[in-house]
């Protein structure tokens, strides 16, 4: 199956994938991704409105850039991991890796988790 990578014209944003380690955490920059931001507030008329802002991110296996010796082994954005986008913290709630014989792209959603 021959599927073309996500066009660079649709990419261009940067995120930071935050993963726990034995001594704390690491922040790995991921460049040239597509991010769609959806800002929402639920219960906006209550005394404690809830920020339900969400991002949807596409990471292209060929056109996105991240530091790794083995891109295939680290082409993973696990549910529960944190992502920083525009200085805001998000928690990954779902992810899907799309294959075309080998990894093609990863699409994940994340909700606002704090500053």
N, C-alpha and C. Protein backbone atom coordinates (compact mmCIF):
# COMPACT_ATOMS: atom_id res chain seq x y z
N UNK A 1 0.85 -1.17 0.00
CA UNK A 1 0.00 0.00 0.00
C UNK A 1 0.90 1.23 0.00
N UNK A 2 0.63 2.17 -0.89
CA UNK A 2 1.45 3.36 -1.02
C UNK A 2 0.60 4.57 -0.62
N UNK A 3 0.81 5.07 0.58
CA UNK A 3 0.09 6.23 1.08
C UNK A 3 1.08 7.36 1.26
N UNK A 4 0.76 8.55 0.76
CA UNK A 4 1.65 9.69 0.86
C UNK A 4 1.65 10.24 2.29
N UNK A 5 2.78 10.82 2.72
CA UNK A 5 2.82 11.43 4.05
C UNK A 5 1.90 12.65 4.13
N UNK A 6 1.60 13.09 5.33
CA UNK A 6 0.81 14.31 5.51
C UNK A 6 1.61 15.46 4.91
N UNK A 7 1.01 16.28 4.05
CA UNK A 7 1.74 17.38 3.42
C UNK A 7 2.29 18.37 4.44
N UNK A 8 3.50 18.86 4.19
CA UNK A 8 4.12 19.83 5.08
C UNK A 8 3.27 21.09 5.27
N UNK A 9 2.47 21.43 4.26
CA UNK A 9 1.62 22.62 4.36
C UNK A 9 0.60 22.48 5.49
N UNK A 10 0.26 21.25 5.88
CA UNK A 10 -0.70 21.02 6.96
C UNK A 10 -0.01 20.85 8.32
N UNK A 11 1.30 20.76 8.31
CA UNK A 11 2.07 20.58 9.53
C UNK A 11 2.67 21.93 9.93
N UNK A 12 3.56 21.95 10.89
CA UNK A 12 4.25 23.19 11.23
C UNK A 12 4.22 23.57 12.70
N UNK A 13 3.43 22.90 13.50
CA UNK A 13 3.38 23.21 14.93
C UNK A 13 4.40 22.38 15.70
N UNK A 14 4.61 22.76 16.96
CA UNK A 14 5.51 22.02 17.83
C UNK A 14 4.80 21.69 19.14
N UNK A 15 5.02 20.46 19.61
CA UNK A 15 4.53 20.04 20.92
C UNK A 15 5.71 19.46 21.69
N UNK A 16 5.53 19.25 22.97
CA UNK A 16 6.52 18.57 23.81
C UNK A 16 5.82 17.38 24.46
N UNK A 17 6.34 16.19 24.20
CA UNK A 17 5.82 14.97 24.83
C UNK A 17 6.52 14.81 26.17
N UNK A 18 5.75 14.70 27.24
CA UNK A 18 6.29 14.59 28.60
C UNK A 18 6.04 13.18 29.11
N UNK A 19 7.12 12.46 29.35
CA UNK A 19 7.03 11.07 29.80
C UNK A 19 7.73 10.90 31.14
N UNK A 20 7.15 10.09 32.04
CA UNK A 20 7.81 9.86 33.34
C UNK A 20 9.07 9.02 33.18
N UNK A 21 10.03 9.26 34.07
CA UNK A 21 11.24 8.45 34.16
C UNK A 21 11.40 8.04 35.62
N UNK A 22 12.42 7.26 35.91
CA UNK A 22 12.67 6.83 37.29
C UNK A 22 13.01 8.02 38.19
N UNK A 23 13.58 9.06 37.62
CA UNK A 23 14.02 10.21 38.43
C UNK A 23 13.19 11.46 38.21
N UNK A 24 12.10 11.37 37.48
CA UNK A 24 11.26 12.53 37.23
C UNK A 24 10.51 12.41 35.92
N UNK A 25 10.91 13.19 34.94
CA UNK A 25 10.26 13.13 33.63
C UNK A 25 11.20 13.69 32.56
N UNK A 26 10.87 13.39 31.32
CA UNK A 26 11.60 13.96 30.18
C UNK A 26 10.60 14.71 29.31
N UNK A 27 11.08 15.77 28.68
CA UNK A 27 10.27 16.52 27.72
C UNK A 27 10.95 16.40 26.38
N UNK A 28 10.28 15.76 25.45
CA UNK A 28 10.84 15.55 24.11
C UNK A 28 10.11 16.46 23.12
N UNK A 29 10.83 17.36 22.43
CA UNK A 29 10.17 18.19 21.42
C UNK A 29 9.81 17.36 20.18
N UNK A 30 8.62 17.60 19.67
CA UNK A 30 8.15 16.98 18.44
C UNK A 30 7.78 18.13 17.51
N UNK A 31 8.53 18.28 16.44
CA UNK A 31 8.32 19.39 15.51
C UNK A 31 7.57 18.94 14.27
N UNK A 32 6.97 19.92 13.62
CA UNK A 32 6.29 19.70 12.35
C UNK A 32 5.10 18.74 12.49
N UNK A 33 4.22 19.06 13.44
CA UNK A 33 2.99 18.29 13.65
C UNK A 33 1.81 19.20 13.32
N UNK A 34 0.65 18.61 13.20
CA UNK A 34 -0.59 19.39 13.01
C UNK A 34 -1.36 19.36 14.32
N UNK A 35 -1.78 20.54 14.78
CA UNK A 35 -2.54 20.64 16.03
C UNK A 35 -3.81 21.43 15.76
N UNK A 36 -4.93 20.87 16.17
CA UNK A 36 -6.21 21.59 16.13
C UNK A 36 -6.64 21.80 17.57
N UNK A 37 -6.88 23.04 17.94
CA UNK A 37 -7.27 23.41 19.29
C UNK A 37 -8.76 23.67 19.33
N UNK A 38 -9.43 23.08 20.31
CA UNK A 38 -10.86 23.29 20.51
C UNK A 38 -11.04 23.75 21.95
N UNK A 39 -11.34 25.04 22.13
CA UNK A 39 -11.49 25.57 23.47
C UNK A 39 -12.95 25.48 23.90
N UNK A 40 -13.16 24.92 25.07
CA UNK A 40 -14.51 24.71 25.60
C UNK A 40 -14.52 24.93 27.10
N UNK A 41 -15.67 25.36 27.59
CA UNK A 41 -15.91 25.45 29.03
C UNK A 41 -17.28 24.85 29.28
N UNK A 42 -17.34 23.90 30.22
CA UNK A 42 -18.63 23.34 30.57
C UNK A 42 -19.09 23.96 31.89
N UNK A 43 -20.35 23.95 32.13
CA UNK A 43 -20.95 24.54 33.33
C UNK A 43 -20.54 26.00 33.49
N UNK A 44 -20.53 26.75 32.38
CA UNK A 44 -20.02 28.12 32.43
C UNK A 44 -20.87 29.05 33.30
N UNK A 45 -22.10 28.66 33.63
CA UNK A 45 -22.94 29.51 34.47
C UNK A 45 -22.93 29.07 35.93
N UNK A 46 -22.18 28.03 36.24
CA UNK A 46 -22.08 27.59 37.63
C UNK A 46 -20.96 28.35 38.33
N UNK A 47 -20.83 28.14 39.63
CA UNK A 47 -19.77 28.79 40.40
C UNK A 47 -18.41 28.19 40.12
N UNK A 48 -18.38 26.98 39.54
CA UNK A 48 -17.09 26.34 39.24
C UNK A 48 -17.11 25.78 37.81
N UNK A 49 -16.97 26.67 36.82
CA UNK A 49 -16.93 26.19 35.44
C UNK A 49 -15.72 25.30 35.22
N UNK A 50 -15.84 24.38 34.27
CA UNK A 50 -14.78 23.40 34.02
C UNK A 50 -14.21 23.61 32.62
N UNK A 51 -12.89 23.78 32.53
CA UNK A 51 -12.22 23.95 31.25
C UNK A 51 -12.09 22.58 30.58
N UNK A 52 -12.74 22.41 29.43
CA UNK A 52 -12.66 21.14 28.70
C UNK A 52 -11.95 21.33 27.36
N UNK A 53 -11.00 22.26 27.34
CA UNK A 53 -10.23 22.51 26.13
C UNK A 53 -9.52 21.24 25.70
N UNK A 54 -9.49 21.01 24.38
CA UNK A 54 -8.94 19.78 23.83
C UNK A 54 -8.08 20.09 22.61
N UNK A 55 -7.04 19.28 22.40
CA UNK A 55 -6.28 19.36 21.17
C UNK A 55 -6.34 18.01 20.46
N UNK A 56 -6.33 18.07 19.14
CA UNK A 56 -6.18 16.88 18.31
C UNK A 56 -4.87 17.07 17.56
N UNK A 57 -4.00 16.07 17.64
CA UNK A 57 -2.66 16.19 17.07
C UNK A 57 -2.42 15.05 16.08
N UNK A 58 -1.82 15.39 14.93
CA UNK A 58 -1.38 14.41 13.95
C UNK A 58 0.14 14.49 13.88
N UNK A 59 0.80 13.35 14.08
CA UNK A 59 2.25 13.25 13.97
C UNK A 59 2.53 12.36 12.77
N UNK A 60 3.21 12.89 11.78
CA UNK A 60 3.50 12.15 10.56
C UNK A 60 4.83 11.42 10.72
N UNK A 61 4.85 10.15 10.36
CA UNK A 61 6.05 9.34 10.54
C UNK A 61 7.22 9.87 9.71
N UNK A 62 6.95 10.37 8.51
CA UNK A 62 8.04 10.83 7.64
C UNK A 62 8.33 12.32 7.77
N UNK A 63 7.33 13.16 7.97
CA UNK A 63 7.54 14.60 7.95
C UNK A 63 7.65 15.27 9.32
N UNK A 64 7.19 14.63 10.37
CA UNK A 64 7.36 15.19 11.70
C UNK A 64 8.78 14.88 12.18
N UNK A 65 9.27 15.68 13.10
CA UNK A 65 10.67 15.56 13.52
C UNK A 65 10.74 15.38 15.04
N UNK A 66 11.38 14.29 15.46
CA UNK A 66 11.66 14.09 16.87
C UNK A 66 12.95 13.31 16.98
N UNK A 67 13.61 13.49 18.12
CA UNK A 67 14.91 12.88 18.31
C UNK A 67 14.75 11.46 18.81
N UNK A 68 15.26 10.53 18.03
CA UNK A 68 15.21 9.12 18.42
C UNK A 68 16.10 8.33 17.48
N UNK A 69 16.78 7.35 18.03
CA UNK A 69 17.61 6.50 17.17
C UNK A 69 16.75 5.52 16.39
N UNK A 70 15.64 5.09 16.97
CA UNK A 70 14.74 4.15 16.31
C UNK A 70 13.35 4.76 16.32
N UNK A 71 12.99 5.50 15.26
CA UNK A 71 11.71 6.20 15.22
C UNK A 71 10.53 5.26 15.39
N UNK A 72 10.61 4.07 14.82
CA UNK A 72 9.48 3.14 14.90
C UNK A 72 9.20 2.74 16.34
N UNK A 73 10.26 2.47 17.11
CA UNK A 73 10.09 2.03 18.49
C UNK A 73 9.50 3.13 19.35
N UNK A 74 9.73 4.39 18.98
CA UNK A 74 9.28 5.49 19.82
C UNK A 74 8.16 6.30 19.18
N UNK A 75 7.48 5.72 18.22
CA UNK A 75 6.35 6.38 17.56
C UNK A 75 5.11 6.06 18.37
N UNK A 76 5.10 6.53 19.60
CA UNK A 76 4.03 6.18 20.52
C UNK A 76 3.74 7.38 21.40
N UNK A 77 2.48 7.68 21.54
CA UNK A 77 2.02 8.76 22.39
C UNK A 77 0.99 8.15 23.34
N UNK A 78 1.49 7.53 24.42
CA UNK A 78 0.62 6.70 25.26
C UNK A 78 -0.47 7.50 25.98
N UNK A 79 -1.62 6.87 26.10
CA UNK A 79 -2.72 7.45 26.85
C UNK A 79 -2.24 7.68 28.28
N UNK A 80 -2.52 8.86 28.80
CA UNK A 80 -2.08 9.22 30.15
C UNK A 80 -0.84 10.09 30.16
N UNK A 81 -0.06 10.05 29.08
CA UNK A 81 1.13 10.91 29.00
C UNK A 81 0.69 12.36 28.86
N UNK A 82 1.58 13.25 29.16
CA UNK A 82 1.29 14.67 29.07
C UNK A 82 1.93 15.26 27.81
N UNK A 83 1.34 16.34 27.32
CA UNK A 83 1.84 17.07 26.16
C UNK A 83 1.76 18.56 26.49
N UNK A 84 2.81 19.29 26.14
CA UNK A 84 2.77 20.73 26.29
C UNK A 84 2.62 21.35 24.90
N UNK A 85 1.63 22.25 24.78
CA UNK A 85 1.39 22.97 23.53
C UNK A 85 1.07 24.41 23.88
N UNK A 86 1.79 25.35 23.29
CA UNK A 86 1.60 26.77 23.58
C UNK A 86 1.61 27.06 25.08
N UNK A 87 2.56 26.46 25.77
CA UNK A 87 2.75 26.66 27.22
C UNK A 87 1.59 26.14 28.07
N UNK A 88 0.70 25.34 27.48
CA UNK A 88 -0.41 24.75 28.23
C UNK A 88 -0.20 23.25 28.29
N UNK A 89 -0.60 22.65 29.39
CA UNK A 89 -0.40 21.22 29.61
C UNK A 89 -1.69 20.46 29.28
N UNK A 90 -1.54 19.35 28.55
CA UNK A 90 -2.66 18.51 28.16
C UNK A 90 -2.34 17.06 28.52
N UNK A 91 -3.37 16.27 28.79
CA UNK A 91 -3.22 14.83 29.05
C UNK A 91 -3.83 14.05 27.90
N UNK A 92 -3.07 13.11 27.36
CA UNK A 92 -3.54 12.32 26.22
C UNK A 92 -4.64 11.37 26.68
N UNK A 93 -5.78 11.44 26.00
CA UNK A 93 -6.93 10.61 26.37
C UNK A 93 -7.18 9.47 25.39
N UNK A 94 -6.71 9.62 24.16
CA UNK A 94 -6.84 8.53 23.19
C UNK A 94 -5.78 8.70 22.11
N UNK A 95 -5.34 7.59 21.54
CA UNK A 95 -4.37 7.65 20.44
C UNK A 95 -4.64 6.52 19.47
N UNK A 96 -4.28 6.78 18.23
CA UNK A 96 -4.44 5.78 17.18
C UNK A 96 -3.25 5.89 16.25
N UNK A 97 -2.56 4.78 16.05
CA UNK A 97 -1.47 4.75 15.08
C UNK A 97 -2.01 4.12 13.82
N UNK A 98 -1.86 4.81 12.71
CA UNK A 98 -2.33 4.33 11.41
C UNK A 98 -1.14 3.73 10.67
N UNK A 99 -1.33 2.50 10.18
CA UNK A 99 -0.27 1.79 9.47
C UNK A 99 -0.60 1.68 7.99
N UNK A 100 0.44 1.72 7.18
CA UNK A 100 0.36 1.40 5.76
C UNK A 100 1.55 0.49 5.49
N UNK A 101 1.49 -0.70 6.07
CA UNK A 101 2.62 -1.62 6.05
C UNK A 101 3.56 -1.35 7.21
N UNK A 102 3.85 -0.08 7.45
CA UNK A 102 4.65 0.37 8.59
C UNK A 102 3.94 1.61 9.14
N UNK A 103 4.38 2.15 10.27
CA UNK A 103 3.67 3.32 10.80
C UNK A 103 3.61 4.46 9.78
N UNK A 104 2.42 5.04 9.63
CA UNK A 104 2.22 6.16 8.70
C UNK A 104 2.05 7.46 9.48
N UNK A 105 1.10 7.49 10.41
CA UNK A 105 0.93 8.65 11.27
C UNK A 105 0.22 8.25 12.55
N UNK A 106 0.32 9.11 13.53
CA UNK A 106 -0.36 8.91 14.81
C UNK A 106 -1.29 10.10 15.02
N UNK A 107 -2.51 9.79 15.41
CA UNK A 107 -3.48 10.83 15.74
C UNK A 107 -3.85 10.63 17.20
N UNK A 108 -3.77 11.70 17.98
CA UNK A 108 -4.20 11.57 19.38
C UNK A 108 -4.96 12.81 19.83
N UNK A 109 -5.76 12.60 20.86
CA UNK A 109 -6.52 13.70 21.49
C UNK A 109 -6.02 13.85 22.91
N UNK A 110 -6.04 15.09 23.38
CA UNK A 110 -5.59 15.38 24.74
C UNK A 110 -6.45 16.51 25.30
N UNK A 111 -6.76 16.43 26.59
CA UNK A 111 -7.57 17.46 27.24
C UNK A 111 -6.69 18.31 28.14
N UNK A 112 -7.11 19.51 28.36
CA UNK A 112 -6.36 20.47 29.18
C UNK A 112 -6.18 19.90 30.58
N UNK A 113 -4.94 19.93 31.05
CA UNK A 113 -4.62 19.34 32.36
C UNK A 113 -4.02 20.35 33.32
N UNK A 114 -3.81 21.56 32.91
CA UNK A 114 -3.25 22.56 33.80
C UNK A 114 -2.38 23.53 33.06
N UNK A 115 -1.69 24.41 33.86
CA UNK A 115 -0.85 25.48 33.32
C UNK A 115 0.22 24.99 32.48
